[in-house]
Structure formats: structure tokens, C-alpha cells
Amino acid sequence: MKILDSLVEMVRVVHGVSGKVARHDRDLAQQMKRASTSAALNGSEGIWAKAGKRRSRLEDAVNSARETLMALRIATACGYLAEGEAQNAAAEVDSVIRVLWVLAYRR
């Protein structure tokens, strides 16, 4: 499934920029990594789950991805990441959010 590849790519990108964040704020970098990993793991679990658990896991994945977006925004606001770097990572996360949302709420 393409979304599984997208989830892995999102984690790769976020973990890549988290190294720069960690030089300034180790806690923020760790939270960013945990949130992106959680989004990927919950997203994968939700794709294969049945009925109510499916939506619940996909919603968890969306929320963790949104947390990742906020961590990227905070890192940029604090000057830990360049605007362009954060935007590239955020675009990757945002594309995953859109797909997960459709998977969670399609009828």
C-alpha cells in the first residue's frame, strides 16, 4: 500500500531534521520523533484493523501527525530549523494526514 510507504518516508524525514533540533532542544526533538513514529505505527495498525478500532487508530495517527506538525512549527519559531527545511518536512507530514483522514472517514 502506498500509504505505508508514505508513513515510513514521513518518519525518515522527521527523524532527519530532529537531529538539528536536538542540538538546541533534546526534549522537543525526542517528542517530534515519538509523535511521527506513533503516527506511522497507529496508521499501519488502523489500515489493517476492523470496524471501530480502524477509525480509532487512524484518528490517533492523524492526531500524532498533527502533533508532529506543531513540533516542526515550534522548532522553526525557536530558530532550530530553517523555514524551508521545516516546510519540506511539514509537507510530507501534511500529505500523510490528508490520506489518513480519508481512510478514517470515508463511507
N, C-alpha and C. Protein backbone atom coordinates (compact mmCIF):
# COMPACT_ATOMS: atom_id res chain seq x y z
N MET A 1 0.85 -1.19 0.00
CA MET A 1 0.00 0.00 0.00
C MET A 1 0.89 1.25 0.00
N LYS A 2 0.51 2.20 -0.79
CA LYS A 2 1.28 3.43 -0.92
C LYS A 2 1.33 4.22 0.40
N ILE A 3 0.26 4.21 1.16
CA ILE A 3 0.24 4.98 2.41
C ILE A 3 1.29 4.45 3.39
N LEU A 4 1.53 3.15 3.38
CA LEU A 4 2.56 2.59 4.27
C LEU A 4 3.93 3.15 3.91
N ASP A 5 4.21 3.23 2.61
CA ASP A 5 5.48 3.83 2.17
C ASP A 5 5.55 5.30 2.57
N SER A 6 4.43 5.99 2.45
CA SER A 6 4.39 7.42 2.82
C SER A 6 4.62 7.60 4.31
N LEU A 7 4.08 6.71 5.12
CA LEU A 7 4.29 6.79 6.57
C LEU A 7 5.77 6.60 6.91
N VAL A 8 6.40 5.64 6.28
CA VAL A 8 7.83 5.40 6.52
C VAL A 8 8.66 6.60 6.06
N GLU A 9 8.31 7.16 4.92
CA GLU A 9 9.04 8.33 4.42
C GLU A 9 8.87 9.52 5.34
N MET A 10 7.66 9.70 5.88
CA MET A 10 7.43 10.79 6.83
C MET A 10 8.35 10.63 8.05
N VAL A 11 8.42 9.43 8.58
CA VAL A 11 9.29 9.18 9.74
C VAL A 11 10.74 9.47 9.38
N ARG A 12 11.18 9.03 8.21
CA ARG A 12 12.56 9.26 7.78
C ARG A 12 12.88 10.75 7.73
N VAL A 13 11.97 11.52 7.14
CA VAL A 13 12.19 12.97 7.01
C VAL A 13 12.20 13.65 8.37
N VAL A 14 11.23 13.34 9.20
CA VAL A 14 11.13 13.98 10.52
C VAL A 14 12.32 13.60 11.39
N HIS A 15 12.68 12.34 11.39
CA HIS A 15 13.83 11.93 12.19
C HIS A 15 15.11 12.60 11.68
N GLY A 16 15.17 12.83 10.38
CA GLY A 16 16.33 13.52 9.81
C GLY A 16 16.49 14.94 10.32
N VAL A 17 15.41 15.69 10.37
CA VAL A 17 15.51 17.08 10.85
C VAL A 17 15.59 17.16 12.36
N SER A 18 15.15 16.10 13.04
CA SER A 18 15.17 16.14 14.50
C SER A 18 16.60 16.23 15.05
N GLY A 19 17.57 15.76 14.29
CA GLY A 19 18.95 15.86 14.72
C GLY A 19 19.40 17.30 14.91
N LYS A 20 18.95 18.17 14.01
CA LYS A 20 19.27 19.60 14.14
C LYS A 20 18.56 20.22 15.33
N VAL A 21 17.33 19.79 15.55
CA VAL A 21 16.56 20.31 16.69
C VAL A 21 17.22 19.87 17.99
N ALA A 22 17.72 18.64 18.03
CA ALA A 22 18.30 18.08 19.26
C ALA A 22 19.53 18.87 19.73
N ARG A 23 20.22 19.52 18.83
CA ARG A 23 21.37 20.34 19.22
C ARG A 23 20.98 21.49 20.14
N HIS A 24 19.72 21.90 20.03
CA HIS A 24 19.21 23.03 20.82
C HIS A 24 18.24 22.59 21.91
N ASP A 25 17.40 21.60 21.58
CA ASP A 25 16.33 21.18 22.49
C ASP A 25 16.10 19.68 22.33
N ARG A 26 16.77 18.92 23.15
CA ARG A 26 16.70 17.46 23.06
C ARG A 26 15.28 16.93 23.29
N ASP A 27 14.56 17.56 24.23
CA ASP A 27 13.20 17.11 24.53
C ASP A 27 12.26 17.31 23.35
N LEU A 28 12.34 18.46 22.71
CA LEU A 28 11.49 18.72 21.54
C LEU A 28 11.82 17.74 20.42
N ALA A 29 13.09 17.48 20.20
CA ALA A 29 13.49 16.54 19.16
C ALA A 29 12.94 15.14 19.45
N GLN A 30 13.03 14.72 20.69
CA GLN A 30 12.51 13.40 21.07
C GLN A 30 11.00 13.32 20.89
N GLN A 31 10.30 14.39 21.28
CA GLN A 31 8.85 14.41 21.13
C GLN A 31 8.45 14.37 19.66
N MET A 32 9.19 15.09 18.83
CA MET A 32 8.93 15.11 17.39
C MET A 32 9.10 13.70 16.81
N LYS A 33 10.15 13.02 17.23
CA LYS A 33 10.40 11.66 16.75
C LYS A 33 9.32 10.70 17.24
N ARG A 34 8.96 10.81 18.53
CA ARG A 34 7.93 9.93 19.07
C ARG A 34 6.59 10.14 18.37
N ALA A 35 6.24 11.40 18.13
CA ALA A 35 4.94 11.70 17.51
C ALA A 35 4.89 11.16 16.07
N SER A 36 5.97 11.34 15.31
CA SER A 36 5.95 10.84 13.93
C SER A 36 5.93 9.32 13.89
N THR A 37 6.68 8.70 14.79
CA THR A 37 6.69 7.23 14.86
C THR A 37 5.32 6.72 15.28
N SER A 38 4.69 7.37 16.24
CA SER A 38 3.36 6.99 16.68
C SER A 38 2.35 7.12 15.54
N ALA A 39 2.46 8.18 14.77
CA ALA A 39 1.56 8.36 13.62
C ALA A 39 1.70 7.19 12.65
N ALA A 40 2.93 6.81 12.38
CA ALA A 40 3.15 5.71 11.43
C ALA A 40 2.65 4.38 11.98
N LEU A 41 2.95 4.10 13.22
CA LEU A 41 2.53 2.82 13.80
C LEU A 41 1.01 2.73 13.94
N ASN A 42 0.37 3.80 14.42
CA ASN A 42 -1.09 3.79 14.53
C ASN A 42 -1.75 3.76 13.15
N GLY A 43 -1.16 4.45 12.20
CA GLY A 43 -1.70 4.43 10.84
C GLY A 43 -1.66 3.03 10.26
N SER A 44 -0.54 2.35 10.42
CA SER A 44 -0.42 0.99 9.93
C SER A 44 -1.41 0.05 10.63
N GLU A 45 -1.51 0.19 11.93
CA GLU A 45 -2.45 -0.65 12.68
C GLU A 45 -3.88 -0.38 12.22
N GLY A 46 -4.21 0.90 12.01
CA GLY A 46 -5.56 1.25 11.60
C GLY A 46 -5.94 0.74 10.23
N ILE A 47 -4.99 0.70 9.34
CA ILE A 47 -5.26 0.21 7.98
C ILE A 47 -5.72 -1.24 8.00
N TRP A 48 -5.16 -2.02 8.89
CA TRP A 48 -5.48 -3.45 8.95
C TRP A 48 -6.55 -3.79 9.98
N ALA A 49 -6.98 -2.83 10.77
CA ALA A 49 -7.96 -3.10 11.82
C ALA A 49 -9.38 -3.19 11.25
N LYS A 50 -10.26 -3.69 12.06
CA LYS A 50 -11.67 -3.84 11.68
C LYS A 50 -12.52 -2.79 12.38
N ALA A 51 -13.58 -2.37 11.72
CA ALA A 51 -14.66 -1.54 12.26
C ALA A 51 -14.20 -0.38 13.15
N GLY A 52 -14.69 -0.33 14.38
CA GLY A 52 -14.44 0.81 15.27
C GLY A 52 -12.98 1.01 15.61
N LYS A 53 -12.24 -0.07 15.73
CA LYS A 53 -10.81 0.06 16.02
C LYS A 53 -10.08 0.72 14.86
N ARG A 54 -10.56 0.48 13.66
CA ARG A 54 -9.93 1.08 12.48
C ARG A 54 -9.97 2.61 12.58
N ARG A 55 -11.16 3.14 12.79
CA ARG A 55 -11.29 4.60 12.87
C ARG A 55 -10.50 5.15 14.05
N SER A 56 -10.58 4.49 15.17
CA SER A 56 -9.87 4.96 16.36
C SER A 56 -8.37 5.04 16.13
N ARG A 57 -7.78 4.01 15.56
CA ARG A 57 -6.33 4.01 15.30
C ARG A 57 -5.96 5.06 14.25
N LEU A 58 -6.78 5.20 13.23
CA LEU A 58 -6.49 6.19 12.20
C LEU A 58 -6.61 7.61 12.77
N GLU A 59 -7.59 7.83 13.66
CA GLU A 59 -7.69 9.13 14.32
C GLU A 59 -6.47 9.39 15.20
N ASP A 60 -6.01 8.37 15.91
CA ASP A 60 -4.78 8.51 16.70
C ASP A 60 -3.60 8.88 15.81
N ALA A 61 -3.54 8.24 14.65
CA ALA A 61 -2.45 8.53 13.71
C ALA A 61 -2.52 9.97 13.23
N VAL A 62 -3.71 10.43 12.90
CA VAL A 62 -3.88 11.82 12.46
C VAL A 62 -3.46 12.79 13.57
N ASN A 63 -3.88 12.51 14.78
CA ASN A 63 -3.53 13.40 15.90
C ASN A 63 -2.03 13.41 16.18
N SER A 64 -1.38 12.27 16.08
CA SER A 64 0.08 12.23 16.27
C SER A 64 0.79 12.97 15.14
N ALA A 65 0.28 12.86 13.94
CA ALA A 65 0.88 13.59 12.81
C ALA A 65 0.70 15.10 13.01
N ARG A 66 -0.45 15.50 13.52
CA ARG A 66 -0.67 16.92 13.80
C ARG A 66 0.27 17.41 14.91
N GLU A 67 0.53 16.56 15.88
CA GLU A 67 1.49 16.90 16.93
C GLU A 67 2.88 17.09 16.31
N THR A 68 3.22 16.23 15.35
CA THR A 68 4.49 16.37 14.65
C THR A 68 4.57 17.70 13.93
N LEU A 69 3.48 18.10 13.27
CA LEU A 69 3.45 19.40 12.59
C LEU A 69 3.70 20.55 13.57
N MET A 70 3.08 20.49 14.73
CA MET A 70 3.27 21.54 15.72
C MET A 70 4.71 21.56 16.21
N ALA A 71 5.31 20.40 16.41
CA ALA A 71 6.71 20.34 16.83
C ALA A 71 7.61 20.99 15.78
N LEU A 72 7.32 20.76 14.51
CA LEU A 72 8.09 21.40 13.43
C LEU A 72 7.92 22.92 13.46
N ARG A 73 6.69 23.37 13.70
CA ARG A 73 6.44 24.81 13.78
C ARG A 73 7.18 25.44 14.96
N ILE A 74 7.16 24.76 16.09
CA ILE A 74 7.84 25.27 17.27
C ILE A 74 9.35 25.32 17.02
N ALA A 75 9.89 24.25 16.43
CA ALA A 75 11.33 24.22 16.14
C ALA A 75 11.72 25.37 15.21
N THR A 76 10.87 25.68 14.26
CA THR A 76 11.13 26.79 13.35
C THR A 76 11.03 28.12 14.08
N ALA A 77 10.00 28.27 14.90
CA ALA A 77 9.80 29.52 15.65
C ALA A 77 10.97 29.79 16.59
N CYS A 78 11.56 28.74 17.12
CA CYS A 78 12.70 28.89 18.04
C CYS A 78 14.02 29.06 17.30
N GLY A 79 14.00 28.95 15.99
CA GLY A 79 15.21 29.12 15.21
C GLY A 79 16.07 27.87 15.10
N TYR A 80 15.52 26.72 15.44
CA TYR A 80 16.27 25.47 15.38
C TYR A 80 16.32 24.90 13.96
N LEU A 81 15.30 25.21 13.17
CA LEU A 81 15.22 24.76 11.77
C LEU A 81 15.02 25.95 10.86
N ALA A 82 15.61 25.88 9.68
CA ALA A 82 15.36 26.89 8.66
C ALA A 82 13.93 26.72 8.15
N GLU A 83 13.34 27.82 7.74
CA GLU A 83 11.95 27.80 7.27
C GLU A 83 11.74 26.76 6.16
N GLY A 84 12.62 26.75 5.17
CA GLY A 84 12.47 25.81 4.05
C GLY A 84 12.57 24.36 4.48
N GLU A 85 13.47 24.09 5.39
CA GLU A 85 13.64 22.74 5.91
C GLU A 85 12.38 22.25 6.61
N ALA A 86 11.85 23.10 7.44
CA ALA A 86 10.63 22.76 8.17
C ALA A 86 9.45 22.61 7.21
N GLN A 87 9.38 23.46 6.21
CA GLN A 87 8.27 23.38 5.25
C GLN A 87 8.30 22.07 4.47
N ASN A 88 9.49 21.63 4.09
CA ASN A 88 9.60 20.35 3.36
C ASN A 88 9.13 19.19 4.23
N ALA A 89 9.57 19.18 5.48
CA ALA A 89 9.14 18.13 6.40
C ALA A 89 7.64 18.22 6.65
N ALA A 90 7.14 19.43 6.85
CA ALA A 90 5.71 19.63 7.11
C ALA A 90 4.87 19.19 5.92
N ALA A 91 5.35 19.40 4.71
CA ALA A 91 4.61 18.97 3.52
C ALA A 91 4.46 17.45 3.49
N GLU A 92 5.51 16.78 3.90
CA GLU A 92 5.47 15.31 3.96
C GLU A 92 4.43 14.85 4.99
N VAL A 93 4.45 15.46 6.15
CA VAL A 93 3.51 15.11 7.22
C VAL A 93 2.08 15.45 6.79
N ASP A 94 1.90 16.61 6.19
CA ASP A 94 0.58 17.04 5.78
C ASP A 94 -0.02 16.10 4.74
N SER A 95 0.78 15.61 3.82
CA SER A 95 0.26 14.70 2.81
C SER A 95 -0.22 13.39 3.45
N VAL A 96 0.48 12.95 4.49
CA VAL A 96 0.07 11.75 5.22
C VAL A 96 -1.24 12.00 5.95
N ILE A 97 -1.36 13.16 6.57
CA ILE A 97 -2.60 13.50 7.29
C ILE A 97 -3.80 13.44 6.36
N ARG A 98 -3.65 14.00 5.17
CA ARG A 98 -4.78 14.01 4.22
C ARG A 98 -5.24 12.60 3.88
N VAL A 99 -4.30 11.70 3.62
CA VAL A 99 -4.67 10.32 3.27
C VAL A 99 -5.29 9.60 4.47
N LEU A 100 -4.68 9.77 5.64
CA LEU A 100 -5.22 9.11 6.84
C LEU A 100 -6.63 9.59 7.14
N TRP A 101 -6.88 10.87 6.94
CA TRP A 101 -8.21 11.43 7.18
C TRP A 101 -9.25 10.76 6.27
N VAL A 102 -8.91 10.63 5.01
CA VAL A 102 -9.82 9.99 4.06
C VAL A 102 -10.07 8.54 4.47
N LEU A 103 -9.00 7.84 4.84
CA LEU A 103 -9.16 6.45 5.25
C LEU A 103 -10.04 6.33 6.52
N ALA A 104 -9.92 7.27 7.42
CA ALA A 104 -10.69 7.21 8.66
C ALA A 104 -12.15 7.54 8.44
N TYR A 105 -12.47 8.43 7.52
CA TYR A 105 -13.84 8.94 7.41
C TYR A 105 -14.55 8.63 6.11
N ARG A 106 -13.94 7.87 5.24
CA ARG A 106 -14.68 7.51 4.01
C ARG A 106 -15.82 6.59 4.36
N ARG A 107 -16.85 6.67 3.58
CA ARG A 107 -18.07 5.85 3.85
C ARG A 107 -18.21 4.77 2.84
